[in-house]
């Protein structure tokens, strides 16, 4: 039995666009992964309010 090769692609995907999908598909093929999971960040560090 061969182990499943899983990739994680994290980001805010805000807004999601075809470029995200193209990247995930290309990485899947390049690394010979069985599946790529897109994991959405709930609290993107770039958009956090600074507390002063």
N, C-alpha and C. Protein backbone atom coordinates (compact mmCIF):
# COMPACT_ATOMS: atom_id res chain seq x y z
N UNK A 1 0.84 -1.18 0.00
CA UNK A 1 0.00 0.00 0.00
C UNK A 1 0.89 1.25 0.00
N UNK A 2 0.69 2.12 -0.96
CA UNK A 2 1.47 3.35 -1.10
C UNK A 2 0.84 4.46 -0.26
N UNK A 3 1.64 5.21 0.51
CA UNK A 3 1.07 6.31 1.29
C UNK A 3 0.56 7.43 0.38
N UNK A 4 -0.46 8.11 0.83
CA UNK A 4 -1.03 9.23 0.09
C UNK A 4 -0.12 10.44 0.26
N UNK A 5 0.22 11.07 -0.87
CA UNK A 5 1.06 12.27 -0.84
C UNK A 5 0.14 13.49 -0.88
N UNK A 6 0.17 14.26 0.22
CA UNK A 6 -0.73 15.40 0.38
C UNK A 6 0.07 16.69 0.44
N UNK A 7 -0.39 17.70 -0.28
CA UNK A 7 0.20 19.03 -0.22
C UNK A 7 -0.77 20.00 0.41
N UNK A 8 -0.25 20.97 1.17
CA UNK A 8 -1.07 22.03 1.76
C UNK A 8 -0.69 23.36 1.13
N UNK A 9 -1.66 24.09 0.64
CA UNK A 9 -1.45 25.39 0.03
C UNK A 9 -2.25 26.40 0.86
N UNK A 10 -1.55 27.14 1.70
CA UNK A 10 -2.22 28.07 2.59
C UNK A 10 -2.17 29.50 2.10
N UNK A 11 -3.19 30.26 2.45
CA UNK A 11 -3.25 31.67 2.09
C UNK A 11 -4.61 32.25 2.41
N UNK A 12 -4.77 33.53 2.14
CA UNK A 12 -6.06 34.17 2.39
C UNK A 12 -7.01 33.98 1.22
N UNK A 13 -6.46 33.84 0.01
CA UNK A 13 -7.27 33.66 -1.19
C UNK A 13 -8.38 34.71 -1.25
N UNK A 14 -8.00 35.95 -1.01
CA UNK A 14 -8.98 37.04 -0.93
C UNK A 14 -8.64 38.12 -1.92
N UNK A 15 -9.22 38.09 -3.08
CA UNK A 15 -10.24 37.15 -3.55
C UNK A 15 -9.59 35.94 -4.20
N UNK A 16 -10.28 34.81 -4.16
CA UNK A 16 -9.75 33.64 -4.87
C UNK A 16 -9.81 33.88 -6.38
N UNK A 17 -8.81 33.39 -7.10
CA UNK A 17 -8.81 33.56 -8.55
C UNK A 17 -8.14 32.35 -9.19
N UNK A 18 -8.21 32.30 -10.49
CA UNK A 18 -7.73 31.14 -11.24
C UNK A 18 -6.22 30.93 -11.04
N UNK A 19 -5.48 31.98 -10.72
CA UNK A 19 -4.05 31.85 -10.47
C UNK A 19 -3.75 30.94 -9.30
N UNK A 20 -4.58 30.98 -8.27
CA UNK A 20 -4.41 30.08 -7.13
C UNK A 20 -4.58 28.64 -7.58
N UNK A 21 -5.60 28.39 -8.37
CA UNK A 21 -5.86 27.03 -8.85
C UNK A 21 -4.75 26.54 -9.76
N UNK A 22 -4.27 27.39 -10.65
CA UNK A 22 -3.18 27.02 -11.56
C UNK A 22 -1.93 26.66 -10.76
N UNK A 23 -1.63 27.45 -9.74
CA UNK A 23 -0.46 27.16 -8.90
C UNK A 23 -0.61 25.81 -8.21
N UNK A 24 -1.78 25.55 -7.62
CA UNK A 24 -2.01 24.28 -6.92
C UNK A 24 -1.89 23.09 -7.88
N UNK A 25 -2.44 23.20 -9.07
CA UNK A 25 -2.37 22.11 -10.05
C UNK A 25 -0.93 21.88 -10.50
N UNK A 26 -0.20 22.96 -10.78
CA UNK A 26 1.19 22.81 -11.22
C UNK A 26 2.08 22.19 -10.15
N UNK A 27 1.89 22.60 -8.91
CA UNK A 27 2.67 22.03 -7.81
C UNK A 27 2.30 20.56 -7.62
N UNK A 28 1.02 20.25 -7.74
CA UNK A 28 0.58 18.86 -7.61
C UNK A 28 1.30 17.97 -8.62
N UNK A 29 1.36 18.42 -9.85
CA UNK A 29 2.02 17.63 -10.89
C UNK A 29 3.54 17.61 -10.71
N UNK A 30 4.12 18.75 -10.38
CA UNK A 30 5.59 18.82 -10.23
C UNK A 30 6.09 17.94 -9.09
N UNK A 31 5.33 17.88 -8.00
CA UNK A 31 5.76 17.11 -6.83
C UNK A 31 5.10 15.72 -6.78
N UNK A 32 4.35 15.40 -7.81
CA UNK A 32 3.66 14.11 -7.90
C UNK A 32 2.82 13.83 -6.66
N UNK A 33 2.02 14.83 -6.27
CA UNK A 33 1.14 14.70 -5.12
C UNK A 33 -0.18 14.05 -5.53
N UNK A 34 -0.81 13.38 -4.59
CA UNK A 34 -2.13 12.80 -4.85
C UNK A 34 -3.23 13.84 -4.72
N UNK A 35 -3.03 14.78 -3.82
CA UNK A 35 -4.04 15.80 -3.57
C UNK A 35 -3.36 17.06 -3.02
N UNK A 36 -3.95 18.21 -3.30
CA UNK A 36 -3.50 19.47 -2.71
C UNK A 36 -4.71 20.08 -2.01
N UNK A 37 -4.53 20.40 -0.74
CA UNK A 37 -5.60 21.01 0.04
C UNK A 37 -5.33 22.50 0.14
N UNK A 38 -6.31 23.31 -0.24
CA UNK A 38 -6.20 24.75 -0.09
C UNK A 38 -6.74 25.12 1.29
N UNK A 39 -5.86 25.68 2.13
CA UNK A 39 -6.22 26.01 3.51
C UNK A 39 -6.31 27.52 3.65
N UNK A 40 -7.50 28.01 3.92
CA UNK A 40 -7.74 29.45 4.00
C UNK A 40 -7.33 29.97 5.38
N UNK A 41 -6.54 31.04 5.38
CA UNK A 41 -6.13 31.68 6.63
C UNK A 41 -7.29 32.51 7.17
N UNK A 42 -7.60 32.32 8.43
CA UNK A 42 -8.72 33.04 9.05
C UNK A 42 -8.34 34.46 9.42
N UNK A 43 -7.11 34.66 9.85
CA UNK A 43 -6.66 35.96 10.33
C UNK A 43 -5.36 36.33 9.64
N UNK A 44 -5.45 36.90 8.43
CA UNK A 44 -4.22 37.21 7.69
C UNK A 44 -3.39 38.28 8.41
N UNK A 45 -2.11 37.99 8.57
CA UNK A 45 -1.23 38.91 9.30
C UNK A 45 -1.11 40.27 8.61
N UNK A 46 -1.29 40.32 7.29
CA UNK A 46 -1.15 41.58 6.56
C UNK A 46 -2.31 42.53 6.85
N UNK A 47 -3.43 42.00 7.32
CA UNK A 47 -4.61 42.84 7.52
C UNK A 47 -4.98 43.02 8.99
N UNK A 48 -4.13 42.60 9.87
CA UNK A 48 -4.39 42.79 11.30
C UNK A 48 -4.26 44.26 11.65
N UNK A 49 -5.13 44.72 12.50
CA UNK A 49 -5.03 46.11 12.98
C UNK A 49 -3.93 46.17 14.02
N UNK A 50 -3.15 47.20 13.94
CA UNK A 50 -2.07 47.38 14.92
C UNK A 50 -2.63 48.05 16.16
N UNK A 51 -2.35 47.44 17.28
CA UNK A 51 -2.78 48.00 18.55
C UNK A 51 -1.63 48.80 19.13
N UNK A 52 -1.87 50.08 19.37
CA UNK A 52 -0.80 50.93 19.91
C UNK A 52 -1.17 51.48 21.26
